[in-house]
């Protein structure tokens, strides 16, 4: 009798991320047509959110929400802005409140070294590695975990601009308002992206956290 093949691991987005994106970042901006288009992607916002959604649904939802929320912006900037607001919205969830409390306590430098923990609150298929450069800046590489790569048939497997917005908003929560630069990609498969944060501009003493300004 042949051995049963191990089940392939499927990349998913958890409900906390989808709530931050759809319920908070897109608040009052989902009309009937937008809800219909979301339903075609597998998201029914008229019912309680599912515990998890396939990656293809997440990426389609990001594309749609960026177009609806920031129609006047170039595609990359729209997805960056959506990442900012999605993480801000995530902060309204119970898990997000706990994460934001940790971020304000730890500060940006320490939080950047624990970005995998941040991503695991929203998705199951990525990790982040940080390294400090000689000048004090920090580079963060976000990549799809090896176990999930065979399940990703479309490229890129991550939205690099949306992730850039998430990192930038988290740094803001930590009290260090710094730009986050997306470095030129080196992974031809589109499964890994690197960001640089100019932490050398921050005093060695922790900055005082600043309150978030809610987007109206």
Protein backbone atom coordinates (compact mmCIF):
# COMPACT_ATOMS: atom_id res chain seq x y z
CA UNK A 1 0.00 0.00 0.00
CA UNK A 2 1.57 3.34 -1.01
CA UNK A 3 2.51 5.76 1.72
CA UNK A 4 0.23 8.76 2.12
CA UNK A 5 1.82 11.91 0.79
CA UNK A 6 2.25 14.72 3.35
CA UNK A 7 -0.33 17.46 2.96
CA UNK A 8 1.06 20.61 1.38
CA UNK A 9 1.15 23.61 3.67
CA UNK A 10 -1.09 26.38 2.41
CA UNK A 11 -0.29 30.07 2.95
CA UNK A 12 -3.12 31.97 4.62
CA UNK A 13 -3.96 35.36 6.14
CA UNK A 14 -5.62 35.36 9.55
CA UNK A 15 -8.80 37.18 10.47
CA UNK A 16 -6.94 39.78 12.58
CA UNK A 17 -5.16 41.10 9.49
CA UNK A 18 -8.32 41.02 7.40
CA UNK A 19 -10.20 42.85 10.15
CA UNK A 20 -7.57 45.56 10.32
CA UNK A 21 -7.75 45.92 6.56
CA UNK A 22 -11.47 45.64 5.82
CA UNK A 23 -13.24 46.73 9.00
CA UNK A 24 -10.90 49.53 10.06
CA UNK A 25 -8.70 50.73 7.16
CA UNK A 26 -11.64 50.56 4.72
CA UNK A 27 -14.30 51.72 7.16
CA UNK A 28 -17.30 53.28 5.39
CA UNK A 29 -15.61 52.89 2.00
CA UNK A 30 -17.12 49.56 0.94
CA UNK A 31 -20.25 50.23 -1.09
CA UNK A 32 -22.42 47.57 -2.70
CA UNK A 33 -20.19 47.20 -5.74
CA UNK A 34 -17.08 46.87 -3.58
CA UNK A 35 -18.78 44.21 -1.45
CA UNK A 36 -19.74 42.31 -4.58
CA UNK A 37 -16.16 42.36 -5.82
CA UNK A 38 -14.89 41.22 -2.43
CA UNK A 39 -17.40 38.39 -2.43
CA UNK A 40 -16.03 37.26 -5.80
CA UNK A 41 -12.61 37.08 -4.12
CA UNK A 42 -14.01 34.92 -1.32
CA UNK A 43 -14.58 37.58 1.33
CA UNK A 44 -18.12 38.19 2.63
CA UNK A 45 -18.00 41.32 4.79
CA UNK A 46 -21.70 40.98 5.65
CA UNK A 47 -20.86 37.98 7.83
CA UNK A 48 -18.30 37.39 10.59
CA UNK A 49 -14.84 36.99 9.08
CA UNK A 50 -13.42 33.51 8.62
CA UNK A 51 -10.47 32.48 10.77
CA UNK A 52 -8.20 32.32 7.71
CA UNK A 53 -8.18 33.19 3.99
CA UNK A 54 -6.01 31.82 1.16
CA UNK A 55 -3.07 33.93 0.02
CA UNK A 56 -4.65 34.53 -3.38
CA UNK A 57 -7.66 36.02 -1.61
CA UNK A 58 -5.42 38.28 0.49
CA UNK A 59 -3.49 39.57 -2.53
CA UNK A 60 -6.68 40.16 -4.50
CA UNK A 61 -8.19 42.00 -1.54
CA UNK A 62 -5.10 44.19 -1.18
CA UNK A 63 -5.23 45.11 -4.85
CA UNK A 64 -8.92 45.99 -4.68
CA UNK A 65 -8.68 47.95 -1.42
CA UNK A 66 -5.69 49.97 -2.61
CA UNK A 67 -7.57 50.95 -5.75
CA UNK A 68 -10.68 51.93 -3.79
CA UNK A 69 -8.94 53.70 -0.91
CA UNK A 70 -6.31 55.61 -2.89
CA UNK A 71 -7.45 55.86 -6.51
CA UNK A 72 -5.38 59.01 -7.07
CA UNK A 73 -2.04 57.43 -6.08
CA UNK A 74 0.39 55.31 -8.09
CA UNK A 75 -0.01 51.59 -7.42
CA UNK A 76 3.08 51.22 -5.23
CA UNK A 77 2.27 54.25 -3.09
CA UNK A 78 -1.38 53.19 -2.73
CA UNK A 79 -0.35 49.79 -1.36
CA UNK A 80 2.17 51.40 0.97
CA UNK A 81 -0.50 53.71 2.36
CA UNK A 82 -2.85 50.75 2.70
CA UNK A 83 -0.21 48.92 4.75
CA UNK A 84 0.06 51.91 7.09
CA UNK A 85 -3.66 51.99 7.68
CA UNK A 86 -4.10 48.23 7.86
CA UNK A 87 -1.63 47.96 10.73
CA UNK A 88 -3.20 50.98 12.39
CA UNK A 89 -6.55 49.21 12.11
CA UNK A 90 -5.02 45.99 13.39
CA UNK A 91 -4.17 47.92 16.55
CA UNK A 92 -7.90 48.05 17.30
CA UNK A 93 -8.11 44.26 17.59
CA UNK A 94 -7.36 42.48 20.90
CA UNK A 95 -4.18 40.95 19.51
CA UNK A 96 -3.18 44.26 17.95
CA UNK A 97 -3.57 46.09 21.25
CA UNK A 98 -1.24 43.58 22.90
CA UNK A 99 1.30 43.93 20.07
CA UNK A 100 1.18 47.73 20.17
CA UNK A 101 1.71 47.69 23.94
CA UNK A 102 4.80 45.55 23.42
CA UNK A 103 6.05 47.85 20.67
CA UNK A 104 5.77 50.95 22.84
CA UNK A 105 7.63 49.20 25.64
CA UNK A 106 10.40 47.69 23.55
CA UNK A 107 11.09 50.53 21.13
CA UNK A 108 11.83 50.34 17.40
CA UNK A 109 15.28 48.72 17.44
CA UNK A 110 14.23 45.78 19.57
CA UNK A 111 10.89 45.43 17.80
CA UNK A 112 12.59 45.18 14.42
CA UNK A 113 14.50 42.15 15.68
CA UNK A 114 11.17 40.43 16.40
CA UNK A 115 9.38 41.11 13.13
CA UNK A 116 8.64 37.43 12.58
CA UNK A 117 6.41 37.57 15.64
CA UNK A 118 4.63 40.57 14.14
CA UNK A 119 3.98 38.83 10.84
CA UNK A 120 2.79 35.65 12.53
CA UNK A 121 -0.13 37.58 14.00
CA UNK A 122 -1.43 38.18 10.48
CA UNK A 123 -0.06 35.47 8.16
CA UNK A 124 1.41 32.00 8.53
CA UNK A 125 3.87 31.84 5.65
CA UNK A 126 6.57 34.47 6.19
CA UNK A 127 9.44 35.30 8.49
CA UNK A 128 11.70 38.31 8.95
CA UNK A 129 15.39 38.56 9.73
CA UNK A 130 17.07 41.79 10.79
CA UNK A 131 20.70 42.80 10.85
CA UNK A 132 22.39 45.92 12.11
CA UNK A 133 24.69 47.71 9.70
CA UNK A 134 28.01 49.27 10.79
CA UNK A 135 26.47 52.75 10.81
CA UNK A 136 23.60 51.68 13.10
CA UNK A 137 20.92 51.35 10.44
CA UNK A 138 18.90 48.12 10.31
CA UNK A 139 18.00 45.97 7.36
CA UNK A 140 14.97 43.71 7.58
CA UNK A 141 14.54 40.86 5.10
CA UNK A 142 11.04 39.42 4.81
CA UNK A 143 10.74 36.09 3.03
CA UNK A 144 8.28 33.29 2.37
CA UNK A 145 9.04 30.23 4.48
CA UNK A 146 10.45 27.29 2.56
CA UNK A 147 7.56 24.99 3.52
CA UNK A 148 5.07 27.27 1.72
CA UNK A 149 6.98 28.05 -1.46
CA UNK A 150 5.64 25.14 -3.47
CA UNK A 151 2.09 26.35 -2.79
CA UNK A 152 2.75 29.81 -4.25
CA UNK A 153 2.30 29.67 -8.00
CA UNK A 154 1.92 33.41 -8.60
CA UNK A 155 4.58 36.04 -8.09
CA UNK A 156 5.31 37.94 -5.99
CA UNK A 157 4.32 35.85 -2.99
CA UNK A 158 4.36 38.98 -0.82
CA UNK A 159 3.22 42.50 -1.59
CA UNK A 160 6.46 44.41 -0.90
CA UNK A 161 4.81 47.83 -0.76
CA UNK A 162 2.08 46.75 1.64
CA UNK A 163 4.73 45.15 3.88
CA UNK A 164 6.75 48.38 3.75
CA UNK A 165 3.72 50.24 5.09
CA UNK A 166 3.30 47.71 7.91
CA UNK A 167 6.93 48.11 8.98
CA UNK A 168 6.74 51.91 8.80
CA UNK A 169 3.55 52.05 10.90
CA UNK A 170 5.02 49.71 13.51
CA UNK A 171 8.06 51.97 13.84
CA UNK A 172 5.69 54.92 14.27
CA UNK A 173 3.93 53.06 17.08
CA UNK A 174 7.32 52.54 18.72
CA UNK A 175 7.82 56.30 18.78
CA UNK A 176 10.41 56.56 15.99
CA UNK A 177 8.95 58.20 12.90
CA UNK A 178 11.47 57.03 10.30
CA UNK A 179 11.27 56.34 6.58
CA UNK A 180 11.44 52.72 5.44
CA UNK A 181 13.19 52.09 2.13
CA UNK A 182 12.49 49.07 -0.04
CA UNK A 183 15.82 47.96 -1.50
CA UNK A 184 16.11 46.76 -5.11
CA UNK A 185 14.94 43.13 -5.24
CA UNK A 186 17.55 40.38 -5.52
CA UNK A 187 15.22 37.38 -5.46
CA UNK A 188 14.05 36.54 -9.00
CA UNK A 189 11.18 34.45 -7.60
CA UNK A 190 9.66 37.44 -5.77
CA UNK A 191 9.56 35.59 -2.45
CA UNK A 192 11.99 37.78 -0.51
CA UNK A 193 12.32 41.54 -0.03
CA UNK A 194 14.70 43.67 2.04
CA UNK A 195 13.99 47.00 3.74
CA UNK A 196 16.36 49.51 5.33
CA UNK A 197 15.45 51.59 8.38
CA UNK A 198 17.78 54.53 9.25
CA UNK A 199 18.00 53.75 12.97
CA UNK A 200 21.30 55.66 13.08
CA UNK A 201 19.13 58.80 13.16
CA UNK A 202 17.59 57.78 16.48
CA UNK A 203 19.12 58.66 19.84
CA UNK A 204 20.46 55.75 21.86
CA UNK A 205 17.83 56.67 24.45
CA UNK A 206 14.33 55.33 23.71
CA UNK A 207 12.07 57.85 22.08
CA UNK A 208 8.84 58.84 23.73
CA UNK A 209 5.99 57.03 21.97
CA UNK A 210 3.69 59.34 20.09
CA UNK A 211 -0.07 58.81 19.84
CA UNK A 212 -1.46 57.58 16.55
CA UNK A 213 -3.48 60.01 14.50
CA UNK A 214 -6.57 58.20 13.33
CA UNK A 215 -7.39 58.53 9.65
CA UNK A 216 -10.82 59.96 9.09
